[in-house]
Amino acid sequence: MAQSRRDLLKASAAAAAPYLLSKGARAAEIFAAAEPVSYFEGKGYELLPPHGLITGESFNGGIRFDELPGPTVGGKTIRLQGCARLEDIPRRGEPGVLPKFHILGYHNPEPAYPGEVFHQVLDFLVNGSGLNPHRLVLVSTDRFEPMRVYLDDFDIGPHQIVIRPWNEAYAVGDGSGYFRPPEHPYAIGLPTVSIHYPLPGTPIESEHFYPLPGYLELGEVSISQAGNGGSRLVEGGLGVERVAIVGDGVVDTYEEALIVLANEMEAEAQERGIPLPPGYQQFRNL
């Protein structure tokens, strides 16, 4: 008897469970992450265990900001990482902003061709998650030009691309053109393209300008610098909850995610015998 899609997702979730449960994640989080994990594993990526939420760094109040630092093994890898960002606290109440969220980070040191990872991410979003390719908007700089050739497979038109000035994107480092947040201890700085999708009710525009009102940034992909004599490395990440939100999925409320974040940091601090990070109290005071 053929397995249903739900059965396949459950099987994938069970495979990921040892990594996620080691950090206190709940079954709902495992199930929500099953689809992107299983997709990239099917492309030959190895799933690595997540880092702890507590970093010991002064950056971001000592709380994990994203899936960096990179993998501890060679080859193509993914990491499903729980994160929290102090910079998001003033944005509480905005769609897609949660105190604890997950990034599915991907790392490919030797892509088969420059746009391989970018193509895989679009394939997952369009054909794996069922997002409408005509509603995607991509934001980058002139470094994106060699990547345009991969858009035809998804019928993504020129009007869905926003090109920022390189100096502007480089100075901000927010991932929409270049990723290197100020004081981030692990980000090496890479040219990127960010992928955005509208919230329900957001109209389709014939022209877009960054920032994009009514859109969620789903993730980023770096752009290979091999053609400039640099590294072939490509990496980036997708926000698991954000992909679920625009795909009409169910995610935790802000209050539910806040409880999860506090409980997991408390459990981790006790398990590792370390103090709670300074950022813990900022979330506790909400």
C-alpha atoms as a PDB file:
ATOM      1  CA  MET A   1       0.000   0.000   0.000  1.00  0.00           C
ATOM      2  CA  ALA A   2       1.348   3.409  -0.917  1.00  0.00           C
ATOM      3  CA  GLN A   3       2.261   5.646   1.995  1.00  0.00           C
ATOM      4  CA  SER A   4       0.328   8.868   2.382  1.00  0.00           C
ATOM      5  CA  ARG A   5       2.078  12.247   2.463  1.00  0.00           C
ATOM      6  CA  ARG A   6       1.334  12.483   6.203  1.00  0.00           C
ATOM      7  CA  ASP A   7       2.923   9.060   6.813  1.00  0.00           C
ATOM      8  CA  LEU A   8       6.015  10.128   4.904  1.00  0.00           C
ATOM      9  CA  LEU A   9       6.297  13.316   6.947  1.00  0.00           C
ATOM     10  CA  LYS A  10       5.940  11.351  10.167  1.00  0.00           C
ATOM     11  CA  ALA A  11       8.715   9.002   9.091  1.00  0.00           C
ATOM     12  CA  SER A  12      10.966  11.948   8.283  1.00  0.00           C
ATOM     13  CA  ALA A  13      10.138  13.569  11.610  1.00  0.00           C
ATOM     14  CA  ALA A  14      11.066  10.386  13.439  1.00  0.00           C
ATOM     15  CA  ALA A  15      14.441  10.364  11.698  1.00  0.00           C
ATOM     16  CA  ALA A  16      15.102  13.942  12.819  1.00  0.00           C
ATOM     17  CA  ALA A  17      13.839  13.407  16.378  1.00  0.00           C
ATOM     18  CA  PRO A  18      17.141  12.335  18.031  1.00  0.00           C
ATOM     19  CA  TYR A  19      18.748  15.651  17.066  1.00  0.00           C
ATOM     20  CA  LEU A  20      15.822  17.843  18.052  1.00  0.00           C
ATOM     21  CA  LEU A  21      14.746  16.143  21.256  1.00  0.00           C
ATOM     22  CA  SER A  22      18.292  16.451  22.568  1.00  0.00           C
ATOM     23  CA  LYS A  23      17.604  20.184  22.845  1.00  0.00           C
ATOM     24  CA  GLY A  24      14.142  19.836  24.349  1.00  0.00           C
ATOM     25  CA  ALA A  25      12.144  20.544  21.199  1.00  0.00           C
ATOM     26  CA  ARG A  26       8.556  19.337  21.096  1.00  0.00           C
ATOM     27  CA  ALA A  27       6.950  16.850  18.759  1.00  0.00           C
ATOM     28  CA  ALA A  28       5.060  19.667  17.003  1.00  0.00           C
ATOM     29  CA  GLU A  29       8.325  21.393  16.143  1.00  0.00           C
ATOM     30  CA  ILE A  30       9.778  18.157  14.797  1.00  0.00           C
ATOM     31  CA  PHE A  31       6.738  17.583  12.615  1.00  0.00           C
ATOM     32  CA  ALA A  32       6.771  21.157  11.312  1.00  0.00           C
ATOM     33  CA  ALA A  33      10.414  20.800  10.305  1.00  0.00           C
ATOM     34  CA  ALA A  34      10.050  17.361   8.716  1.00  0.00           C
ATOM     35  CA  GLU A  35       9.313  18.625   5.217  1.00  0.00           C
ATOM     36  CA  PRO A  36      12.392  20.862   4.674  1.00  0.00           C
ATOM     37  CA  VAL A  37      14.648  18.369   6.454  1.00  0.00           C
ATOM     38  CA  SER A  38      13.466  15.463   4.317  1.00  0.00           C
ATOM     39  CA  TYR A  39      13.741  17.530   1.125  1.00  0.00           C
ATOM     40  CA  PHE A  40      17.405  18.445   1.636  1.00  0.00           C
ATOM     41  CA  GLU A  41      18.313  15.000   2.922  1.00  0.00           C
ATOM     42  CA  GLY A  42      16.891  13.705  -0.350  1.00  0.00           C
ATOM     43  CA  LYS A  43      19.375  15.967  -2.132  1.00  0.00           C
ATOM     44  CA  GLY A  44      22.305  14.402  -0.281  1.00  0.00           C
ATOM     45  CA  TYR A  45      22.674  16.827   2.641  1.00  0.00           C
ATOM     46  CA  GLU A  46      23.676  15.410   6.027  1.00  0.00           C
ATOM     47  CA  LEU A  47      21.616  16.544   9.020  1.00  0.00           C
ATOM     48  CA  LEU A  48      23.818  17.886  11.827  1.00  0.00           C
ATOM     49  CA  PRO A  49      22.712  18.324  15.456  1.00  0.00           C
ATOM     50  CA  PRO A  50      21.736  21.847  16.536  1.00  0.00           C
ATOM     51  CA  HIS A  51      23.930  24.155  18.575  1.00  0.00           C
ATOM     52  CA  GLY A  52      22.791  25.167  22.041  1.00  0.00           C
ATOM     53  CA  LEU A  53      20.662  28.262  22.521  1.00  0.00           C
ATOM     54  CA  ILE A  54      23.257  29.777  24.868  1.00  0.00           C
ATOM     55  CA  THR A  55      26.394  30.932  23.082  1.00  0.00           C
ATOM     56  CA  GLY A  56      28.515  32.592  25.746  1.00  0.00           C
ATOM     57  CA  GLU A  57      29.098  35.489  23.328  1.00  0.00           C
ATOM     58  CA  SER A  58      28.217  39.107  24.043  1.00  0.00           C
ATOM     59  CA  PHE A  59      26.487  39.308  20.658  1.00  0.00           C
ATOM     60  CA  ASN A  60      22.675  39.030  20.782  1.00  0.00           C
ATOM     61  CA  GLY A  61      22.654  38.837  24.562  1.00  0.00           C
ATOM     62  CA  GLY A  62      24.423  35.478  24.534  1.00  0.00           C
ATOM     63  CA  ILE A  63      21.571  33.753  22.657  1.00  0.00           C
ATOM     64  CA  ARG A  64      21.866  31.874  19.368  1.00  0.00           C
ATOM     65  CA  PHE A  65      21.167  34.324  16.518  1.00  0.00           C
ATOM     66  CA  ASP A  66      21.178  31.844  13.597  1.00  0.00           C
ATOM     67  CA  GLU A  67      22.618  28.472  12.546  1.00  0.00           C
ATOM     68  CA  LEU A  68      26.231  29.702  12.436  1.00  0.00           C
ATOM     69  CA  PRO A  69      29.019  28.745  13.113  1.00  0.00           C
ATOM     70  CA  GLY A  70      29.330  26.328  10.217  1.00  0.00           C
ATOM     71  CA  PRO A  71      29.430  22.544  10.075  1.00  0.00           C
ATOM     72  CA  THR A  72      31.942  20.408  11.910  1.00  0.00           C
ATOM     73  CA  VAL A  73      32.128  17.920   9.015  1.00  0.00           C
ATOM     74  CA  GLY A  74      32.852  18.360   5.321  1.00  0.00           C
ATOM     75  CA  GLY A  75      30.421  18.036   2.467  1.00  0.00           C
ATOM     76  CA  LYS A  76      26.804  19.130   2.085  1.00  0.00           C
ATOM     77  CA  THR A  77      25.105  19.650   5.438  1.00  0.00           C
ATOM     78  CA  ILE A  78      21.929  21.038   6.971  1.00  0.00           C
ATOM     79  CA  ARG A  79      21.238  22.120  10.525  1.00  0.00           C
ATOM     80  CA  LEU A  80      17.846  22.756  12.107  1.00  0.00           C
ATOM     81  CA  GLN A  81      18.604  25.456  14.647  1.00  0.00           C
ATOM     82  CA  GLY A  82      16.487  27.068  17.343  1.00  0.00           C
ATOM     83  CA  CYS A  83      17.153  30.821  17.549  1.00  0.00           C
ATOM     84  CA  ALA A  84      16.034  34.046  19.220  1.00  0.00           C
ATOM     85  CA  ARG A  85      16.918  37.643  18.370  1.00  0.00           C
ATOM     86  CA  LEU A  86      16.872  40.575  20.762  1.00  0.00           C
ATOM     87  CA  GLU A  87      16.469  42.961  17.831  1.00  0.00           C
ATOM     88  CA  ASP A  88      13.026  41.432  17.208  1.00  0.00           C
ATOM     89  CA  ILE A  89      11.644  42.286  20.664  1.00  0.00           C
ATOM     90  CA  PRO A  90      10.401  45.777  19.629  1.00  0.00           C
ATOM     91  CA  ARG A  91       8.654  44.094  16.664  1.00  0.00           C
ATOM     92  CA  ARG A  92       6.540  41.888  18.911  1.00  0.00           C
ATOM     93  CA  GLY A  93       3.091  41.516  17.378  1.00  0.00           C
ATOM     94  CA  GLU A  94       4.246  41.753  13.766  1.00  0.00           C
ATOM     95  CA  PRO A  95       3.357  38.746  11.579  1.00  0.00           C
ATOM     96  CA  GLY A  96       6.169  36.209  11.454  1.00  0.00           C
ATOM     97  CA  VAL A  97       8.040  37.620  14.468  1.00  0.00           C
ATOM     98  CA  LEU A  98       8.481  35.025  17.217  1.00  0.00           C
ATOM     99  CA  PRO A  99      10.723  34.975  20.306  1.00  0.00           C
ATOM    100  CA  LYS A 100      11.896  31.463  19.396  1.00  0.00           C
ATOM    101  CA  PHE A 101      12.017  30.220  15.835  1.00  0.00           C
ATOM    102  CA  HIS A 102      13.914  27.715  13.725  1.00  0.00           C
ATOM    103  CA  ILE A 103      16.278  28.169  10.803  1.00  0.00           C
ATOM    104  CA  LEU A 104      16.991  25.307   8.431  1.00  0.00           C
ATOM    105  CA  GLY A 105      20.560  26.181   7.476  1.00  0.00           C
ATOM    106  CA  TYR A 106      22.197  24.663   4.396  1.00  0.00           C
ATOM    107  CA  HIS A 107      25.918  24.512   3.610  1.00  0.00           C
ATOM    108  CA  ASN A 108      27.426  23.329   0.332  1.00  0.00           C
ATOM    109  CA  PRO A 109      31.198  23.855  -0.101  1.00  0.00           C
ATOM    110  CA  GLU A 110      31.294  22.514  -3.669  1.00  0.00           C
ATOM    111  CA  PRO A 111      28.027  23.006  -5.579  1.00  0.00           C
ATOM    112  CA  ALA A 112      27.721  21.077  -8.830  1.00  0.00           C
ATOM    113  CA  TYR A 113      27.014  24.424 -10.550  1.00  0.00           C
ATOM    114  CA  PRO A 114      26.916  28.001  -9.175  1.00  0.00           C
ATOM    115  CA  GLY A 115      23.124  28.185  -8.766  1.00  0.00           C
ATOM    116  CA  GLU A 116      22.537  24.642  -7.480  1.00  0.00           C
ATOM    117  CA  VAL A 117      21.549  25.588  -3.917  1.00  0.00           C
ATOM    118  CA  PHE A 118      19.482  28.565  -5.083  1.00  0.00           C
ATOM    119  CA  HIS A 119      17.630  26.281  -7.494  1.00  0.00           C
ATOM    120  CA  GLN A 120      17.053  23.696  -4.739  1.00  0.00           C
ATOM    121  CA  VAL A 121      15.639  26.291  -2.347  1.00  0.00           C
ATOM    122  CA  LEU A 122      13.235  27.617  -4.993  1.00  0.00           C
ATOM    123  CA  ASP A 123      12.253  24.052  -5.881  1.00  0.00           C
ATOM    124  CA  PHE A 124      11.452  23.292  -2.255  1.00  0.00           C
ATOM    125  CA  LEU A 125       9.390  26.461  -1.819  1.00  0.00           C
ATOM    126  CA  VAL A 126       7.461  26.110  -5.085  1.00  0.00           C
ATOM    127  CA  ASN A 127       7.172  22.372  -5.650  1.00  0.00           C
ATOM    128  CA  GLY A 128       7.706  21.133  -2.088  1.00  0.00           C
ATOM    129  CA  SER A 129       5.731  23.731  -0.116  1.00  0.00           C
ATOM    130  CA  GLY A 130       3.290  24.744  -2.839  1.00  0.00           C
ATOM    131  CA  LEU A 131       4.018  28.480  -2.817  1.00  0.00           C
ATOM    132  CA  ASN A 132       2.946  30.467  -5.859  1.00  0.00           C
ATOM    133  CA  PRO A 133       6.117  31.341  -7.804  1.00  0.00           C
ATOM    134  CA  HIS A 134       4.435  34.447  -9.231  1.00  0.00           C
ATOM    135  CA  ARG A 135       4.185  35.885  -5.713  1.00  0.00           C
ATOM    136  CA  LEU A 136       7.827  35.390  -4.734  1.00  0.00           C
ATOM    137  CA  VAL A 137      10.037  38.481  -4.656  1.00  0.00           C
ATOM    138  CA  LEU A 138      13.833  38.255  -4.661  1.00  0.00           C
ATOM    139  CA  VAL A 139      16.103  40.980  -3.265  1.00  0.00           C
ATOM    140  CA  SER A 140      19.806  41.202  -4.060  1.00  0.00           C
ATOM    141  CA  THR A 141      22.470  43.371  -5.725  1.00  0.00           C
ATOM    142  CA  ASP A 142      24.210  43.317  -9.091  1.00  0.00           C
ATOM    143  CA  ARG A 143      26.006  40.157  -7.823  1.00  0.00           C
ATOM    144  CA  PHE A 144      22.740  38.349  -8.578  1.00  0.00           C
ATOM    145  CA  GLU A 145      23.013  38.717 -12.360  1.00  0.00           C
ATOM    146  CA  PRO A 146      24.512  35.218 -13.048  1.00  0.00           C
ATOM    147  CA  MET A 147      21.619  33.673 -11.078  1.00  0.00           C
ATOM    148  CA  ARG A 148      18.842  34.975 -13.342  1.00  0.00           C
ATOM    149  CA  VAL A 149      19.249  32.001 -15.671  1.00  0.00           C
ATOM    150  CA  TYR A 150      17.781  29.696 -13.000  1.00  0.00           C
ATOM    151  CA  LEU A 151      14.503  31.614 -12.717  1.00  0.00           C
ATOM    152  CA  ASP A 152      12.953  30.342 -15.949  1.00  0.00           C
ATOM    153  CA  ASP A 153      12.307  26.923 -14.391  1.00  0.00           C
ATOM    154  CA  PHE A 154       9.910  28.601 -11.946  1.00  0.00           C
ATOM    155  CA  ASP A 155       8.421  31.241 -14.250  1.00  0.00           C
ATOM    156  CA  ILE A 156       9.762  34.040 -12.047  1.00  0.00           C
ATOM    157  CA  GLY A 157       9.763  37.303 -14.001  1.00  0.00           C
ATOM    158  CA  PRO A 158      12.070  40.345 -13.953  1.00  0.00           C
ATOM    159  CA  HIS A 159       9.451  42.415 -12.098  1.00  0.00           C
ATOM    160  CA  GLN A 160       9.857  40.015  -9.128  1.00  0.00           C
ATOM    161  CA  ILE A 161      13.488  40.997  -8.596  1.00  0.00           C
ATOM    162  CA  VAL A 162      14.643  44.006  -6.565  1.00  0.00           C
ATOM    163  CA  ILE A 163      18.250  45.086  -7.081  1.00  0.00           C
ATOM    164  CA  ARG A 164      19.748  47.202  -4.283  1.00  0.00           C
ATOM    165  CA  PRO A 165      22.922  49.255  -4.594  1.00  0.00           C
ATOM    166  CA  TRP A 166      25.871  47.120  -3.477  1.00  0.00           C
ATOM    167  CA  ASN A 167      27.200  49.749  -1.055  1.00  0.00           C
ATOM    168  CA  GLU A 168      23.816  50.000   0.668  1.00  0.00           C
ATOM    169  CA  ALA A 169      23.391  46.239   1.081  1.00  0.00           C
ATOM    170  CA  TYR A 170      27.014  45.838   2.216  1.00  0.00           C
ATOM    171  CA  ALA A 171      26.685  48.560   4.848  1.00  0.00           C
ATOM    172  CA  VAL A 172      23.534  47.071   6.390  1.00  0.00           C
ATOM    173  CA  GLY A 173      24.477  43.384   6.113  1.00  0.00           C
ATOM    174  CA  ASP A 174      20.862  42.241   6.589  1.00  0.00           C
ATOM    175  CA  GLY A 175      21.039  39.397   4.065  1.00  0.00           C
ATOM    176  CA  SER A 176      19.099  41.114   1.294  1.00  0.00           C
ATOM    177  CA  GLY A 177      22.122  41.448  -0.943  1.00  0.00           C
ATOM    178  CA  TYR A 178      24.846  40.878   1.653  1.00  0.00           C
ATOM    179  CA  PHE A 179      24.868  39.011   4.969  1.00  0.00           C
ATOM    180  CA  ARG A 180      27.047  40.215   7.795  1.00  0.00           C
ATOM    181  CA  PRO A 181      25.095  41.617  10.767  1.00  0.00           C
ATOM    182  CA  PRO A 182      27.160  44.098  12.808  1.00  0.00           C
ATOM    183  CA  GLU A 183      29.271  42.360  15.483  1.00  0.00           C
ATOM    184  CA  HIS A 184      28.131  38.881  14.439  1.00  0.00           C
ATOM    185  CA  PRO A 185      31.017  36.667  15.667  1.00  0.00           C
ATOM    186  CA  TYR A 186      30.690  33.964  12.982  1.00  0.00           C
ATOM    187  CA  ALA A 187      29.389  35.591   9.794  1.00  0.00           C
ATOM    188  CA  ILE A 188      32.169  35.735   7.208  1.00  0.00           C
ATOM    189  CA  GLY A 189      30.266  38.105   4.922  1.00  0.00           C
ATOM    190  CA  LEU A 190      28.754  36.807   1.684  1.00  0.00           C
ATOM    191  CA  PRO A 191      26.770  38.285  -1.210  1.00  0.00           C
ATOM    192  CA  THR A 192      23.234  36.933  -1.022  1.00  0.00           C
ATOM    193  CA  VAL A 193      19.750  36.894  -2.453  1.00  0.00           C
ATOM    194  CA  SER A 194      16.812  36.967  -0.042  1.00  0.00           C
ATOM    195  CA  ILE A 195      13.455  35.360  -0.806  1.00  0.00           C
ATOM    196  CA  HIS A 196      10.188  37.039   0.210  1.00  0.00           C
ATOM    197  CA  TYR A 197       6.519  36.041   0.089  1.00  0.00           C
ATOM    198  CA  PRO A 198       3.380  38.096   0.780  1.00  0.00           C
ATOM    199  CA  LEU A 199       1.095  37.668   3.731  1.00  0.00           C
ATOM    200  CA  PRO A 200      -2.559  36.970   2.907  1.00  0.00           C
ATOM    201  CA  GLY A 201      -4.274  40.069   1.578  1.00  0.00           C
ATOM    202  CA  THR A 202      -1.116  41.697   0.226  1.00  0.00           C
ATOM    203  CA  PRO A 203      -1.755  42.789  -3.377  1.00  0.00           C
ATOM    204  CA  ILE A 204       0.462  41.742  -6.258  1.00  0.00           C
ATOM    205  CA  GLU A 205       2.384  44.784  -7.466  1.00  0.00           C
ATOM    206  CA  SER A 206       3.858  45.370 -10.905  1.00  0.00           C
ATOM    207  CA  GLU A 207       6.961  46.896  -9.310  1.00  0.00           C
ATOM    208  CA  HIS A 208       8.564  46.325  -5.908  1.00  0.00           C
ATOM    209  CA  PHE A 209      10.816  48.394  -3.658  1.00  0.00           C
ATOM    210  CA  TYR A 210      12.830  47.252  -0.657  1.00  0.00           C
ATOM    211  CA  PRO A 211      11.789  46.952   2.130  1.00  0.00           C
ATOM    212  CA  LEU A 212       8.660  45.087   1.082  1.00  0.00           C
ATOM    213  CA  PRO A 213       5.534  46.004   3.120  1.00  0.00           C
ATOM    214  CA  GLY A 214       3.261  43.024   3.709  1.00  0.00           C
ATOM    215  CA  TYR A 215       5.943  40.463   2.862  1.00  0.00           C
ATOM    216  CA  LEU A 216       7.829  37.966   5.028  1.00  0.00           C
ATOM    217  CA  GLU A 217      11.453  37.202   4.320  1.00  0.00           C
ATOM    218  CA  LEU A 218      11.536  33.406   4.113  1.00  0.00           C
ATOM    219  CA  GLY A 219      15.273  32.963   3.826  1.00  0.00           C
ATOM    220  CA  GLU A 220      18.524  33.686   2.070  1.00  0.00           C
ATOM    221  CA  VAL A 221      21.005  31.969  -0.216  1.00  0.00           C
ATOM    222  CA  SER A 222      24.568  33.152  -0.691  1.00  0.00           C
ATOM    223  CA  ILE A 223      25.941  33.659  -4.184  1.00  0.00           C
ATOM    224  CA  SER A 224      29.013  31.693  -5.202  1.00  0.00           C
ATOM    225  CA  GLN A 225      32.112  33.847  -5.635  1.00  0.00           C
ATOM    226  CA  ALA A 226      34.047  31.216  -7.591  1.00  0.00           C
ATOM    227  CA  GLY A 227      33.866  33.254 -10.781  1.00  0.00           C
ATOM    228  CA  ASN A 228      35.817  36.043  -9.080  1.00  0.00           C
ATOM    229  CA  GLY A 229      38.563  33.722  -7.910  1.00  0.00           C
ATOM    230  CA  GLY A 230      36.845  33.230  -4.564  1.00  0.00           C
ATOM    231  CA  SER A 231      35.327  30.254  -2.779  1.00  0.00           C
ATOM    232  CA  ARG A 232      32.628  28.044  -4.347  1.00  0.00           C
ATOM    233  CA  LEU A 233      30.952  27.849  -0.918  1.00  0.00           C
ATOM    234  CA  VAL A 234      27.201  28.495  -0.860  1.00  0.00           C
ATOM    235  CA  GLU A 235      25.140  28.608   2.330  1.00  0.00           C
ATOM    236  CA  GLY A 236      22.078  30.229   3.812  1.00  0.00           C
ATOM    237  CA  GLY A 237      18.896  29.370   5.645  1.00  0.00           C
ATOM    238  CA  LEU A 238      15.098  29.189   5.595  1.00  0.00           C
ATOM    239  CA  GLY A 239      12.846  30.277   8.438  1.00  0.00           C
ATOM    240  CA  VAL A 240      10.803  27.145   9.132  1.00  0.00           C
ATOM    241  CA  GLU A 241       7.935  28.924  10.869  1.00  0.00           C
ATOM    242  CA  ARG A 242       7.810  31.644   8.229  1.00  0.00           C
ATOM    243  CA  VAL A 243       7.473  29.134   5.427  1.00  0.00           C
ATOM    244  CA  ALA A 244       4.671  27.514   7.430  1.00  0.00           C
ATOM    245  CA  ILE A 245       2.908  30.856   7.971  1.00  0.00           C
ATOM    246  CA  VAL A 246       2.720  31.830   4.299  1.00  0.00           C
ATOM    247  CA  GLY A 247       1.752  28.268   3.445  1.00  0.00           C
ATOM    248  CA  ASP A 248      -1.270  28.520   5.786  1.00  0.00           C
ATOM    249  CA  GLY A 249       0.399  26.326   8.395  1.00  0.00           C
ATOM    250  CA  VAL A 250      -0.057  26.519  12.159  1.00  0.00           C
ATOM    251  CA  VAL A 251       2.758  27.820  14.356  1.00  0.00           C
ATOM    252  CA  ASP A 252       3.037  28.794  18.005  1.00  0.00           C
ATOM    253  CA  THR A 253       1.672  32.119  19.177  1.00  0.00           C
ATOM    254  CA  TYR A 254       4.189  34.641  20.471  1.00  0.00           C
ATOM    255  CA  GLU A 255       3.267  33.805  24.058  1.00  0.00           C
ATOM    256  CA  GLU A 256       3.614  30.053  23.491  1.00  0.00           C
ATOM    257  CA  ALA A 257       6.995  30.471  21.805  1.00  0.00           C
ATOM    258  CA  LEU A 258       8.140  32.759  24.629  1.00  0.00           C
ATOM    259  CA  ILE A 259       7.424  30.053  27.216  1.00  0.00           C
ATOM    260  CA  VAL A 260       9.282  27.490  25.116  1.00  0.00           C
ATOM    261  CA  LEU A 261      12.305  29.790  24.788  1.00  0.00           C
ATOM    262  CA  ALA A 262      12.514  30.481  28.515  1.00  0.00           C
ATOM    263  CA  ASN A 263      12.067  26.817  29.472  1.00  0.00           C
ATOM    264  CA  GLU A 264      14.704  25.633  27.011  1.00  0.00           C
ATOM    265  CA  MET A 265      17.283  28.216  28.101  1.00  0.00           C
ATOM    266  CA  GLU A 266      16.677  27.326  31.765  1.00  0.00           C
ATOM    267  CA  ALA A 267      17.036  23.602  31.043  1.00  0.00           C
ATOM    268  CA  GLU A 268      20.178  24.116  28.972  1.00  0.00           C
ATOM    269  CA  ALA A 269      21.827  26.337  31.588  1.00  0.00           C
ATOM    270  CA  GLN A 270      21.130  23.733  34.266  1.00  0.00           C
ATOM    271  CA  GLU A 271      22.327  20.844  32.100  1.00  0.00           C
ATOM    272  CA  ARG A 272      25.569  22.582  31.119  1.00  0.00           C
ATOM    273  CA  GLY A 273      26.167  24.143  34.532  1.00  0.00           C
ATOM    274  CA  ILE A 274      26.405  27.676  33.123  1.00  0.00           C
ATOM    275  CA  PRO A 275      24.637  30.945  33.954  1.00  0.00           C
ATOM    276  CA  LEU A 276      21.639  32.105  31.988  1.00  0.00           C
ATOM    277  CA  PRO A 277      22.644  34.619  29.295  1.00  0.00           C
ATOM    278  CA  PRO A 278      21.915  38.355  29.714  1.00  0.00           C
ATOM    279  CA  GLY A 279      19.339  38.215  26.935  1.00  0.00           C
ATOM    280  CA  TYR A 280      17.259  35.698  28.896  1.00  0.00           C
ATOM    281  CA  GLN A 281      15.962  38.377  31.257  1.00  0.00           C
ATOM    282  CA  GLN A 282      15.034  40.703  28.396  1.00  0.00           C
ATOM    283  CA  PHE A 283      12.664  38.055  27.085  1.00  0.00           C
ATOM    284  CA  ARG A 284      11.460  37.189  30.591  1.00  0.00           C
ATOM    285  CA  ASN A 285      10.513  40.834  31.180  1.00  0.00           C
ATOM    286  CA  LEU A 286       8.053  40.868  28.262  1.00  0.00           C
END
